[in-house]
N, C-alpha and C. Protein backbone atom coordinates (compact mmCIF):
# COMPACT_ATOMS: atom_id res chain seq x y z
N MET A 1 79.38 118.26 181.02
CA MET A 1 79.02 119.36 182.37
C MET A 1 77.12 119.03 182.68
N LYS A 2 76.59 119.59 183.47
CA LYS A 2 75.65 119.73 183.80
C LYS A 2 74.94 120.99 184.10
N ARG A 3 73.35 121.15 183.51
CA ARG A 3 72.84 122.50 183.70
C ARG A 3 72.48 121.93 185.13
N ILE A 4 72.68 123.61 186.10
CA ILE A 4 72.18 123.82 187.48
C ILE A 4 70.61 124.21 187.26
N ASP A 5 69.85 123.27 187.82
CA ASP A 5 68.31 123.67 188.36
C ASP A 5 68.10 124.77 188.97
N MET A 6 68.01 126.13 188.64
CA MET A 6 67.74 127.28 189.34
C MET A 6 66.82 127.29 190.36
N GLU A 7 65.57 126.32 190.23
CA GLU A 7 64.48 126.42 191.23
C GLU A 7 65.09 125.76 192.40
N THR A 8 65.97 124.90 192.35
CA THR A 8 66.47 124.07 193.65
C THR A 8 67.91 124.54 193.90
N TRP A 9 68.47 125.23 193.12
CA TRP A 9 69.89 125.52 193.69
C TRP A 9 70.15 126.68 194.78
N GLY A 10 70.83 126.25 195.64
CA GLY A 10 70.70 126.79 196.90
C GLY A 10 71.45 128.34 196.94
N ARG A 11 72.14 128.59 195.78
CA ARG A 11 72.58 130.01 195.61
C ARG A 11 71.90 130.51 194.79
N ARG A 12 70.63 130.29 194.47
CA ARG A 12 69.87 131.07 193.50
C ARG A 12 69.55 132.58 193.70
N ASP A 13 69.44 132.90 195.19
CA ASP A 13 68.94 134.41 195.14
C ASP A 13 70.63 135.03 194.85
N GLN A 14 71.20 134.58 195.85
CA GLN A 14 72.56 135.40 195.67
C GLN A 14 72.95 135.44 194.00
N TYR A 15 72.90 134.48 193.45
CA TYR A 15 73.26 134.48 191.68
C TYR A 15 72.57 135.57 191.06
N ARG A 16 71.22 136.04 191.03
CA ARG A 16 70.27 136.93 190.74
C ARG A 16 70.78 138.08 191.33
N TYR A 17 70.76 138.25 192.57
CA TYR A 17 71.22 139.73 193.48
C TYR A 17 72.58 140.06 192.80
N PHE A 18 73.71 139.48 192.53
CA PHE A 18 74.82 139.92 191.98
C PHE A 18 74.74 140.02 190.37
N SER A 19 73.97 139.15 189.84
CA SER A 19 74.11 139.09 188.27
C SER A 19 73.47 140.39 187.98
N ALA A 20 72.85 140.90 188.51
CA ALA A 20 71.78 142.31 188.23
C ALA A 20 72.85 143.75 188.51
N MET A 21 74.27 143.32 189.06
CA MET A 21 74.99 144.56 189.20
C MET A 21 75.76 144.82 188.09
N GLN A 22 75.91 146.14 187.82
CA GLN A 22 76.82 146.49 186.62
C GLN A 22 78.22 145.62 186.37
N TRP A 23 78.95 145.57 188.02
CA TRP A 23 80.10 144.98 187.64
C TRP A 23 80.06 143.83 188.78
N PRO A 24 79.61 142.79 188.73
CA PRO A 24 79.54 141.42 189.44
C PRO A 24 80.55 140.90 189.97
N TYR A 25 81.85 141.49 189.62
CA TYR A 25 82.82 140.58 189.87
C TYR A 25 83.76 140.95 191.41
N TRP A 26 84.75 140.47 191.44
CA TRP A 26 85.21 140.32 192.94
C TRP A 26 86.62 139.65 192.91
N SER A 27 87.54 140.06 193.78
CA SER A 27 89.07 139.42 193.64
C SER A 27 89.28 139.35 195.21
N LEU A 28 90.22 138.23 195.29
CA LEU A 28 90.90 138.05 196.15
C LEU A 28 92.34 137.94 196.13
N THR A 29 93.31 138.59 196.80
CA THR A 29 94.43 138.34 196.76
C THR A 29 95.50 137.75 198.06
N CYS A 30 96.27 136.87 197.86
CA CYS A 30 96.72 136.08 199.18
C CYS A 30 98.07 136.14 198.83
N GLU A 31 99.01 135.85 199.94
CA GLU A 31 100.57 135.55 199.85
C GLU A 31 100.27 134.17 200.23
N VAL A 32 100.89 133.19 199.63
CA VAL A 32 101.02 131.64 199.23
C VAL A 32 102.46 131.07 199.94
N ASP A 33 102.43 130.26 200.64
CA ASP A 33 104.03 129.99 201.28
C ASP A 33 103.95 128.94 199.79
N VAL A 34 105.09 129.13 199.35
CA VAL A 34 105.59 127.91 198.25
C VAL A 34 107.08 127.36 198.11
N THR A 35 107.45 127.50 199.55
CA THR A 35 109.24 127.02 200.07
C THR A 35 109.18 125.84 199.19
N ARG A 36 108.26 124.95 199.81
CA ARG A 36 108.43 123.48 199.11
C ARG A 36 108.26 123.19 198.33
N ALA A 37 107.23 123.74 197.82
CA ALA A 37 106.87 123.30 196.41
C ALA A 37 108.00 123.73 195.16
N ARG A 38 108.36 124.91 195.69
CA ARG A 38 109.63 125.64 194.92
C ARG A 38 110.92 124.55 194.73
N GLU A 39 111.22 124.13 196.01
CA GLU A 39 112.36 123.13 196.22
C GLU A 39 112.25 121.77 195.46
N PHE A 40 110.99 121.60 195.35
CA PHE A 40 111.04 120.23 194.83
C PHE A 40 110.83 120.25 193.42
N MET A 41 110.14 121.41 192.88
CA MET A 41 110.20 121.44 191.66
C MET A 41 111.62 121.64 190.90
N ASN A 42 112.27 122.41 191.32
CA ASN A 42 113.81 122.68 191.28
C ASN A 42 114.63 121.12 191.13
N GLN A 43 114.26 120.56 192.23
CA GLN A 43 115.16 119.41 192.17
C GLN A 43 114.77 118.10 191.07
N ARG A 44 113.00 118.39 190.87
CA ARG A 44 112.55 117.43 189.78
C ARG A 44 112.78 118.03 188.14
N GLY A 45 113.17 119.20 188.21
CA GLY A 45 113.24 119.55 187.06
C GLY A 45 112.19 120.55 186.19
N VAL A 46 111.32 120.66 186.99
CA VAL A 46 110.02 121.50 186.85
C VAL A 46 109.99 122.80 186.62
N ALA A 47 109.69 123.29 185.45
CA ALA A 47 109.55 124.65 184.98
C ALA A 47 108.82 125.34 186.00
N SER A 48 108.92 126.31 186.89
CA SER A 48 108.14 126.83 187.97
C SER A 48 107.13 127.19 187.10
N TYR A 49 107.01 127.95 185.87
CA TYR A 49 105.66 128.28 185.62
C TYR A 49 104.38 127.11 185.42
N LEU A 50 105.10 126.22 184.70
CA LEU A 50 104.24 124.94 184.55
C LEU A 50 103.96 124.20 185.35
N GLY A 51 104.71 124.04 186.52
CA GLY A 51 104.50 123.41 187.77
C GLY A 51 103.28 124.05 188.26
N MET A 52 103.36 125.93 188.61
CA MET A 52 102.49 126.49 189.37
C MET A 52 100.75 126.35 188.78
N ILE A 53 101.32 126.13 187.32
CA ILE A 53 99.84 126.43 186.69
C ILE A 53 99.13 124.94 187.21
N TYR A 54 100.01 123.72 187.01
CA TYR A 54 99.61 122.54 187.18
C TYR A 54 98.73 122.37 188.82
N LEU A 55 99.39 123.12 190.03
CA LEU A 55 99.11 123.05 191.03
C LEU A 55 97.49 124.20 191.44
N VAL A 56 97.45 124.93 190.62
CA VAL A 56 96.60 125.91 190.49
C VAL A 56 95.19 125.49 190.15
N THR A 57 95.65 124.67 188.75
CA THR A 57 94.34 124.26 188.07
C THR A 57 93.67 122.87 188.92
N LYS A 58 94.83 122.33 189.78
CA LYS A 58 94.17 121.39 191.02
C LYS A 58 93.50 121.63 191.88
N ALA A 59 94.24 122.65 192.25
CA ALA A 59 93.38 123.24 193.65
C ALA A 59 92.14 123.90 192.96
N ALA A 60 91.89 124.53 191.93
CA ALA A 60 90.48 125.04 191.42
C ALA A 60 89.67 124.09 191.26
N ASN A 61 90.17 122.74 190.89
CA ASN A 61 89.39 121.68 190.21
C ASN A 61 88.26 121.27 191.20
N ALA A 62 89.23 121.35 192.54
CA ALA A 62 88.50 121.04 193.91
C ALA A 62 87.66 121.57 194.39
N VAL A 63 87.09 122.92 193.57
CA VAL A 63 86.44 123.53 194.17
C VAL A 63 85.25 123.93 193.15
N PRO A 64 83.87 123.14 193.41
CA PRO A 64 82.84 123.10 192.44
C PRO A 64 82.47 124.35 191.70
N GLU A 65 82.35 125.55 192.79
CA GLU A 65 82.32 126.62 192.33
C GLU A 65 82.88 127.49 191.57
N LEU A 66 84.25 127.15 191.41
CA LEU A 66 85.15 127.46 190.29
C LEU A 66 85.09 126.83 189.09
N ARG A 67 84.43 125.79 189.07
CA ARG A 67 84.06 125.23 187.64
C ARG A 67 82.35 125.52 187.22
N LEU A 68 81.90 126.37 187.98
CA LEU A 68 80.61 126.82 187.38
C LEU A 68 80.76 127.96 186.10
N ARG A 69 79.84 127.98 185.25
CA ARG A 69 80.11 129.02 184.33
C ARG A 69 78.57 129.29 183.59
N ILE A 70 78.37 130.22 183.33
CA ILE A 70 77.23 130.93 182.93
C ILE A 70 77.24 130.93 181.23
N GLN A 71 76.44 130.36 180.55
CA GLN A 71 76.45 130.13 179.56
C GLN A 71 74.52 130.47 179.11
N ASP A 72 74.60 131.43 177.87
CA ASP A 72 73.33 131.73 177.27
C ASP A 72 72.48 131.91 178.57
N GLY A 73 72.47 132.45 179.59
CA GLY A 73 71.66 132.89 180.66
C GLY A 73 71.25 131.55 181.32
N GLU A 74 72.11 130.50 181.19
CA GLU A 74 71.82 129.30 182.18
C GLU A 74 73.10 129.22 182.99
N VAL A 75 73.20 128.48 183.91
CA VAL A 75 74.56 127.95 184.96
C VAL A 75 74.60 126.52 184.80
N TYR A 76 76.19 126.30 184.32
CA TYR A 76 76.64 125.16 184.18
C TYR A 76 77.69 124.59 185.30
N GLU A 77 77.92 123.58 185.65
CA GLU A 77 78.96 123.03 186.42
C GLU A 77 79.75 121.95 185.26
N HIS A 78 80.96 122.27 185.06
CA HIS A 78 81.74 121.27 184.18
C HIS A 78 82.37 120.36 185.15
N GLU A 79 82.67 119.29 184.69
CA GLU A 79 83.38 118.09 185.43
C GLU A 79 84.86 118.47 185.81
N VAL A 80 85.64 119.05 184.76
CA VAL A 80 86.95 119.55 184.84
C VAL A 80 87.05 120.82 184.23
N VAL A 81 88.04 121.43 184.68
CA VAL A 81 88.28 122.79 183.76
C VAL A 81 89.96 122.82 183.45
N HIS A 82 89.96 123.76 182.62
CA HIS A 82 91.44 123.75 181.91
C HIS A 82 92.22 124.74 182.01
N PRO A 83 93.42 124.75 181.97
CA PRO A 83 93.99 126.24 182.09
C PRO A 83 94.61 126.77 180.84
N SER A 84 94.01 127.78 180.68
CA SER A 84 94.53 128.78 179.06
C SER A 84 95.04 129.95 179.73
N PHE A 85 96.64 129.84 179.35
CA PHE A 85 97.28 130.87 180.34
C PHE A 85 98.13 131.58 179.03
N THR A 86 98.62 133.01 179.93
CA THR A 86 99.60 133.78 179.01
C THR A 86 100.98 133.31 179.00
N LEU A 87 101.83 133.69 177.64
CA LEU A 87 103.28 133.23 177.73
C LEU A 87 103.65 134.46 176.67
N LEU A 88 105.10 134.96 176.69
CA LEU A 88 105.83 135.52 175.99
C LEU A 88 106.21 134.75 174.80
N ALA A 89 106.03 135.24 173.47
CA ALA A 89 106.72 134.40 172.44
C ALA A 89 108.18 134.85 172.43
N HIS A 90 108.75 134.27 171.26
CA HIS A 90 109.91 134.34 170.58
C HIS A 90 110.14 135.70 170.11
N ASP A 91 109.09 136.77 169.57
CA ASP A 91 108.96 137.88 169.63
C ASP A 91 108.55 139.04 170.59
N GLY A 92 108.61 138.38 172.19
CA GLY A 92 108.21 139.36 173.06
C GLY A 92 106.94 139.62 173.36
N GLU A 93 106.21 139.20 172.46
CA GLU A 93 104.72 139.56 172.41
C GLU A 93 103.86 138.64 173.47
N LEU A 94 102.83 138.98 173.54
CA LEU A 94 101.74 138.04 174.39
C LEU A 94 101.44 137.26 173.86
N ARG A 95 101.29 136.00 174.18
CA ARG A 95 100.60 134.82 173.36
C ARG A 95 99.90 134.31 174.40
N PHE A 96 98.45 133.60 173.69
CA PHE A 96 97.42 132.52 174.88
C PHE A 96 97.70 131.25 174.23
N CYS A 97 98.09 130.42 175.64
CA CYS A 97 98.24 128.78 175.17
C CYS A 97 97.17 128.00 175.79
N ALA A 98 96.45 127.00 175.38
CA ALA A 98 95.44 126.29 176.04
C ALA A 98 95.94 125.19 176.45
N ALA A 99 95.67 124.67 177.56
CA ALA A 99 96.38 123.04 177.78
C ALA A 99 95.08 122.25 178.40
N ARG A 100 94.93 121.22 178.34
CA ARG A 100 94.19 120.11 178.89
C ARG A 100 94.77 119.88 180.50
N TYR A 101 93.74 119.81 181.41
CA TYR A 101 94.21 119.48 182.68
C TYR A 101 94.26 117.68 182.67
N GLN A 102 94.85 117.15 183.29
CA GLN A 102 95.39 115.65 183.71
C GLN A 102 95.75 115.62 185.16
N ASP A 103 95.16 114.77 186.09
CA ASP A 103 95.53 114.91 187.24
C ASP A 103 96.97 114.13 187.25
N ASP A 104 97.38 113.42 186.11
CA ASP A 104 98.70 112.76 186.10
C ASP A 104 99.44 113.79 185.87
N PRO A 105 100.48 113.95 186.95
CA PRO A 105 101.55 115.30 186.56
C PRO A 105 101.99 115.38 185.23
N ASN A 106 102.76 114.02 185.25
CA ASN A 106 103.95 113.72 184.19
C ASN A 106 102.77 113.99 182.67
N ALA A 107 101.83 113.41 182.54
CA ALA A 107 101.24 113.52 181.25
C ALA A 107 101.11 115.43 181.16
N PHE A 108 100.34 115.62 182.08
CA PHE A 108 100.27 117.16 182.17
C PHE A 108 101.53 117.79 181.70
N LEU A 109 102.37 117.70 182.41
CA LEU A 109 103.87 118.68 182.09
C LEU A 109 104.05 118.56 180.48
N ALA A 110 104.04 117.03 180.19
CA ALA A 110 104.70 116.86 178.81
C ALA A 110 104.04 117.72 177.96
N ASP A 111 102.63 117.36 177.87
CA ASP A 111 101.56 118.10 176.75
C ASP A 111 101.68 119.45 176.81
N THR A 112 101.80 120.12 178.24
CA THR A 112 101.34 121.27 178.25
C THR A 112 102.87 122.37 177.92
N ARG A 113 104.37 121.40 178.03
CA ARG A 113 105.15 122.06 177.86
C ARG A 113 105.49 121.97 176.17
N ALA A 114 104.84 120.56 175.57
CA ALA A 114 104.49 120.61 173.72
C ALA A 114 103.73 121.89 173.15
N GLN A 115 102.84 122.50 174.14
CA GLN A 115 101.91 123.36 173.73
C GLN A 115 102.64 124.63 173.82
N ARG A 116 103.17 124.74 174.81
CA ARG A 116 103.85 126.35 175.19
C ARG A 116 104.83 126.30 174.19
N ASP A 117 105.76 125.02 173.70
CA ASP A 117 106.83 125.62 172.67
C ASP A 117 106.24 125.91 171.39
N ARG A 118 105.20 124.78 170.92
CA ARG A 118 104.61 125.35 169.92
C ARG A 118 104.23 126.84 169.71
N ILE A 119 102.98 127.19 170.70
CA ILE A 119 102.57 128.58 170.71
C ILE A 119 103.90 129.60 170.47
N LYS A 120 104.40 129.52 171.30
CA LYS A 120 105.88 130.48 171.16
C LYS A 120 106.75 131.19 169.98
N HIS A 121 106.83 129.74 169.33
CA HIS A 121 107.37 129.94 167.66
C HIS A 121 106.38 129.90 166.89
N ALA A 122 105.00 130.08 167.18
CA ALA A 122 104.07 130.15 166.17
C ALA A 122 103.70 132.17 165.61
N ASP A 123 102.97 131.90 164.62
CA ASP A 123 102.59 132.95 164.43
C ASP A 123 101.40 133.38 165.62
N ALA A 124 101.11 134.74 165.50
CA ALA A 124 99.89 135.15 166.97
C ALA A 124 98.89 134.48 166.01
N PRO A 125 98.30 133.74 167.31
CA PRO A 125 97.17 133.46 167.11
C PRO A 125 95.58 134.59 167.56
N PRO A 126 94.55 134.26 167.16
CA PRO A 126 93.25 135.35 167.40
C PRO A 126 93.63 135.39 169.28
N LEU A 127 93.36 136.47 169.70
CA LEU A 127 92.90 137.00 171.23
C LEU A 127 91.89 136.10 171.66
N ALA A 128 90.94 136.16 170.74
CA ALA A 128 89.69 136.07 171.45
C ALA A 128 89.30 134.35 171.48
N ALA A 129 89.02 133.76 172.77
CA ALA A 129 88.85 132.59 173.20
C ALA A 129 87.23 132.11 173.46
N THR A 130 86.75 131.18 173.05
CA THR A 130 85.39 130.72 172.91
C THR A 130 85.37 129.63 174.06
N ALA A 131 85.91 128.77 174.63
CA ALA A 131 85.78 127.85 175.49
C ALA A 131 85.55 128.48 176.44
N GLN A 132 84.60 127.44 177.41
CA GLN A 132 84.01 128.01 179.01
C GLN A 132 84.96 127.16 179.49
N ASP A 133 84.92 126.32 179.42
CA ASP A 133 85.86 125.04 180.42
C ASP A 133 87.02 125.42 181.16
N VAL A 134 87.33 126.48 180.91
CA VAL A 134 88.92 127.05 181.18
C VAL A 134 88.90 127.78 182.47
N LEU A 135 90.37 128.07 182.80
CA LEU A 135 90.64 128.98 184.01
C LEU A 135 91.60 130.00 183.04
N TYR A 136 91.52 131.28 183.05
CA TYR A 136 92.33 132.15 182.64
C TYR A 136 93.52 132.34 183.73
N ILE A 137 94.75 132.34 183.14
CA ILE A 137 95.64 131.97 183.85
C ILE A 137 97.19 132.97 183.71
N SER A 138 97.56 133.62 184.32
CA SER A 138 98.88 134.44 184.05
C SER A 138 99.95 134.70 184.97
N CYS A 139 101.12 135.13 184.77
CA CYS A 139 101.88 135.28 185.72
C CYS A 139 102.75 136.68 185.45
N LEU A 140 102.96 137.37 186.64
CA LEU A 140 104.03 138.43 186.64
C LEU A 140 104.97 138.45 187.49
N PRO A 141 105.79 137.27 186.96
CA PRO A 141 107.45 137.19 187.34
C PRO A 141 108.34 138.52 187.67
N TRP A 142 107.97 139.43 187.70
CA TRP A 142 108.94 140.60 187.35
C TRP A 142 108.55 141.27 188.64
N VAL A 143 107.13 141.26 189.62
CA VAL A 143 107.01 142.08 190.42
C VAL A 143 106.33 141.11 191.49
N HIS A 144 106.35 141.58 192.85
CA HIS A 144 105.22 140.98 194.27
C HIS A 144 104.18 142.41 194.33
N PHE A 145 103.05 141.96 194.04
CA PHE A 145 102.03 142.92 193.88
C PHE A 145 101.07 142.41 195.19
N THR A 146 100.42 143.28 195.50
CA THR A 146 99.20 143.06 196.59
C THR A 146 97.63 142.96 195.93
N SER A 147 97.69 143.67 194.84
CA SER A 147 96.16 143.44 194.47
C SER A 147 96.34 143.80 192.68
N VAL A 148 95.47 143.09 191.81
CA VAL A 148 94.97 143.33 190.55
C VAL A 148 93.77 143.24 190.09
N SER A 149 93.55 143.99 189.02
CA SER A 149 92.25 144.20 188.31
C SER A 149 92.42 143.53 186.93
N HIS A 150 91.56 143.11 186.52
CA HIS A 150 91.27 142.46 184.89
C HIS A 150 90.38 143.41 183.99
N PRO A 151 90.61 143.10 182.93
CA PRO A 151 89.91 143.57 182.00
C PRO A 151 88.59 142.78 181.73
N MET A 152 87.76 143.03 181.51
CA MET A 152 86.45 142.41 181.26
C MET A 152 85.44 142.73 180.44
N PRO A 153 84.78 141.90 179.72
CA PRO A 153 83.88 142.08 178.67
C PRO A 153 82.64 142.90 178.94
N GLN A 154 82.06 143.64 178.33
CA GLN A 154 80.84 144.58 178.59
C GLN A 154 79.76 143.44 178.64
N VAL A 155 79.73 142.79 177.82
CA VAL A 155 78.28 141.45 177.60
C VAL A 155 78.69 140.31 176.79
N PRO A 156 78.29 139.41 176.82
CA PRO A 156 77.45 138.94 178.36
C PRO A 156 78.52 138.89 179.27
N GLN A 157 77.78 138.49 180.45
CA GLN A 157 78.50 138.42 181.84
C GLN A 157 79.51 137.35 181.44
N ASP A 158 80.96 137.47 181.82
CA ASP A 158 81.81 136.53 181.75
C ASP A 158 82.01 135.96 183.37
N SER A 159 82.20 135.00 182.97
CA SER A 159 82.20 133.84 184.41
C SER A 159 83.34 133.28 184.58
N ILE A 160 84.09 133.44 183.84
CA ILE A 160 85.43 132.42 183.93
C ILE A 160 86.71 133.25 184.85
N PRO A 161 86.89 132.11 185.89
CA PRO A 161 87.82 132.85 186.93
C PRO A 161 89.32 133.24 186.35
N ARG A 162 89.75 134.43 186.73
CA ARG A 162 91.06 134.86 186.74
C ARG A 162 92.14 134.49 187.63
N ILE A 163 93.16 133.96 187.62
CA ILE A 163 93.99 133.51 188.34
C ILE A 163 95.45 133.98 187.60
N VAL A 164 96.15 134.75 188.64
CA VAL A 164 97.54 135.73 188.51
C VAL A 164 98.51 135.45 189.65
N TRP A 165 99.94 135.17 189.46
CA TRP A 165 100.90 135.23 190.54
C TRP A 165 102.02 136.15 190.42
N GLY A 166 102.32 136.42 191.09
CA GLY A 166 103.45 137.30 190.69
C GLY A 166 105.10 136.33 191.23
N ARG A 167 106.20 137.51 191.37
CA ARG A 167 107.54 136.74 191.36
C ARG A 167 107.71 136.08 192.77
N PHE A 168 108.58 134.97 192.92
CA PHE A 168 108.85 134.56 194.04
C PHE A 168 109.61 135.07 194.93
N GLN A 169 108.95 135.72 196.17
CA GLN A 169 109.40 136.75 196.67
C GLN A 169 110.08 136.13 198.27
N PRO A 170 111.40 135.97 198.66
CA PRO A 170 111.66 135.87 199.67
C PRO A 170 111.16 136.49 200.91
N ARG A 171 110.70 135.86 202.26
CA ARG A 171 109.91 136.50 203.19
C ARG A 171 111.04 135.40 204.62
N GLY A 172 111.74 136.20 204.90
CA GLY A 172 112.63 135.23 205.81
C GLY A 172 113.35 134.35 205.29
N GLU A 173 113.22 132.89 206.14
CA GLU A 173 113.66 131.87 205.26
C GLU A 173 112.62 131.20 204.27
N ALA A 174 111.34 132.22 204.02
CA ALA A 174 110.53 131.05 203.54
C ALA A 174 110.42 132.11 201.96
N ILE A 175 109.80 131.35 201.06
CA ILE A 175 109.61 131.78 199.56
C ILE A 175 108.10 131.93 199.50
N VAL A 176 107.46 132.97 199.22
CA VAL A 176 106.12 133.43 198.88
C VAL A 176 105.40 133.99 197.70
N LEU A 177 104.48 133.41 197.02
CA LEU A 177 103.83 134.15 195.71
C LEU A 177 102.59 134.48 195.95
N ALA A 178 102.71 135.63 195.68
CA ALA A 178 101.03 136.99 195.85
C ALA A 178 100.24 135.99 194.78
N VAL A 179 99.26 135.35 195.07
CA VAL A 179 98.22 135.04 194.11
C VAL A 179 96.96 135.69 194.16
N ASN A 180 96.27 136.11 192.79
CA ASN A 180 94.97 136.62 192.97
C ASN A 180 94.50 135.89 192.12
N LEU A 181 93.07 135.89 192.68
CA LEU A 181 91.66 135.31 192.03
C LEU A 181 90.70 136.08 192.04
N HIS A 182 90.41 136.16 191.00
CA HIS A 182 89.17 136.71 190.42
C HIS A 182 87.84 136.17 189.77
N LEU A 183 86.80 136.59 190.63
CA LEU A 183 85.65 135.64 190.15
C LEU A 183 84.12 136.46 190.01
N HIS A 184 82.94 135.84 189.46
CA HIS A 184 82.03 136.05 189.42
C HIS A 184 81.25 136.03 190.47
N HIS A 185 80.86 137.45 191.15
CA HIS A 185 80.15 137.01 192.71
C HIS A 185 78.92 136.05 192.77
N GLY A 186 78.43 135.96 191.71
CA GLY A 186 77.18 135.41 191.32
C GLY A 186 77.27 133.92 191.39
N LEU A 187 78.65 133.41 191.29
CA LEU A 187 78.87 132.10 191.50
C LEU A 187 79.38 131.67 192.41
N ALA A 188 80.35 132.77 193.38
CA ALA A 188 81.29 131.87 194.05
C ALA A 188 81.37 132.97 195.28
N ASP A 189 81.49 132.99 196.48
CA ASP A 189 81.96 133.85 197.45
C ASP A 189 82.89 133.58 198.08
N GLY A 190 83.61 134.60 199.19
CA GLY A 190 84.53 134.35 200.35
C GLY A 190 84.97 132.84 200.32
N LEU A 191 83.77 131.79 200.90
CA LEU A 191 84.39 130.65 201.05
C LEU A 191 84.77 130.21 200.22
N HIS A 192 84.19 130.14 199.07
CA HIS A 192 84.45 129.41 197.91
C HIS A 192 86.24 129.69 197.58
N ALA A 193 86.41 131.03 197.48
CA ALA A 193 87.75 131.66 196.96
C ALA A 193 88.77 131.09 198.28
N SER A 194 88.25 131.23 199.50
CA SER A 194 89.33 131.02 200.75
C SER A 194 89.72 129.43 200.52
N ARG A 195 88.88 128.59 199.94
CA ARG A 195 88.80 126.95 199.78
C ARG A 195 90.05 126.78 198.72
N PHE A 196 89.89 127.83 197.63
CA PHE A 196 90.90 127.47 196.57
C PHE A 196 92.29 128.01 197.25
N MET A 197 92.15 128.87 197.86
CA MET A 197 93.63 129.39 198.28
C MET A 197 94.43 128.42 199.54
N LEU A 198 93.53 127.92 200.40
CA LEU A 198 93.70 127.12 201.28
C LEU A 198 94.53 125.62 200.43
N GLY A 199 93.34 125.17 199.54
CA GLY A 199 93.78 124.38 198.90
C GLY A 199 94.93 124.09 198.34
N LEU A 200 95.33 125.67 197.43
CA LEU A 200 96.63 125.49 196.52
C LEU A 200 97.88 125.56 197.92
N GLU A 201 97.30 125.89 199.12
CA GLU A 201 98.86 126.43 200.14
C GLU A 201 99.11 124.98 200.63
N GLU A 202 98.06 124.21 200.73
CA GLU A 202 98.00 122.40 201.36
C GLU A 202 98.82 122.06 200.16
N LEU A 203 98.65 122.08 198.99
CA LEU A 203 99.40 121.14 197.80
C LEU A 203 101.17 121.83 197.68
N CYS A 204 101.31 123.23 198.16
CA CYS A 204 102.65 123.38 198.20
C CYS A 204 103.25 123.28 199.04
N ALA A 205 102.78 123.32 200.48
CA ALA A 205 103.32 122.79 201.60
C ALA A 205 103.64 121.22 201.59
N ASP A 206 103.05 120.39 200.80
CA ASP A 206 102.89 118.96 200.57
C ASP A 206 103.06 118.38 199.53
N PRO A 207 104.33 119.11 198.36
CA PRO A 207 104.39 118.77 197.15
C PRO A 207 104.33 117.33 196.71
N GLU A 208 104.72 116.71 197.56
CA GLU A 208 104.99 115.03 196.97
C GLU A 208 103.44 114.56 196.80
N ARG A 209 102.39 115.17 197.60
CA ARG A 209 100.74 115.22 197.33
C ARG A 209 100.61 115.70 196.41
N GLY A 210 101.05 116.94 196.12
CA GLY A 210 100.74 117.86 195.06
C GLY A 210 100.76 117.29 193.65
N PHE A 211 102.31 116.74 193.86
CA PHE A 211 102.77 116.37 192.69
C PHE A 211 102.71 114.67 192.63
N ALA A 212 101.48 114.41 192.98
CA ALA A 212 101.51 112.92 193.19
C ALA A 212 102.20 111.57 192.34
N GLY A 213 103.28 111.09 192.13
CA GLY A 213 103.39 110.13 190.86
C GLY A 213 104.47 110.94 189.83
N LEU A 214 105.00 112.01 190.15
CA LEU A 214 105.87 112.75 189.28
C LEU A 214 107.19 111.88 189.56
N LYS A 215 107.50 112.05 188.18
CA LYS A 215 108.94 111.54 187.88
C LYS A 215 109.75 112.83 187.64
N LEU A 216 111.10 112.40 187.81
CA LEU A 216 112.34 113.55 187.28
C LEU A 216 112.29 113.88 186.09
N GLN A 217 111.99 115.56 185.51
CA GLN A 217 111.44 115.69 184.62
C GLN A 217 112.97 115.83 183.35
N ASP A 218 112.93 115.73 182.37
CA ASP A 218 114.10 115.94 181.27
C ASP A 218 114.69 117.33 181.32
């Protein structure tokens, strides 16, 4: 990762302005057409949750502002960020699972599936996470929503993006997902959130490119 030079950083003033606020966060919720992506995942034997985690993480890594983090009062840009996602364990309780992003979908899905299965059947790990090079990811597969709020720590300011999506929702002949992105406004504006949403939409519309090199899953 590299430290951002605050004296030459283009959004220095925006960062200082929003960081001084009691609640420097904002979120955007969009409906993303996932018709082709869902069909592609079904054909290739990809679990939809893991497949969407891959596409979401890929889209987020393409937006530099979503790789910025505040650490000890400084801003850093990570070369790559990784998914830290929720899942339901064997006992029906919430668990947190960390995975490492790899551009190769075959390696990513295999490694993430193994991590998921391990956490599902393990004793409950501590809830607190210390890594900064992550995205907090979750899914509400039971409902189609229009907005989401997120619990946030009081201090220090948390700069890790939160991304959550709902159930696959029929819309005419299409399938859409409500996708929510929650950000620190000092690090990213509407332009950057829109770039993420549009990038994700493009990956879902062209899953052969989004999952480039993917082989049939077992």
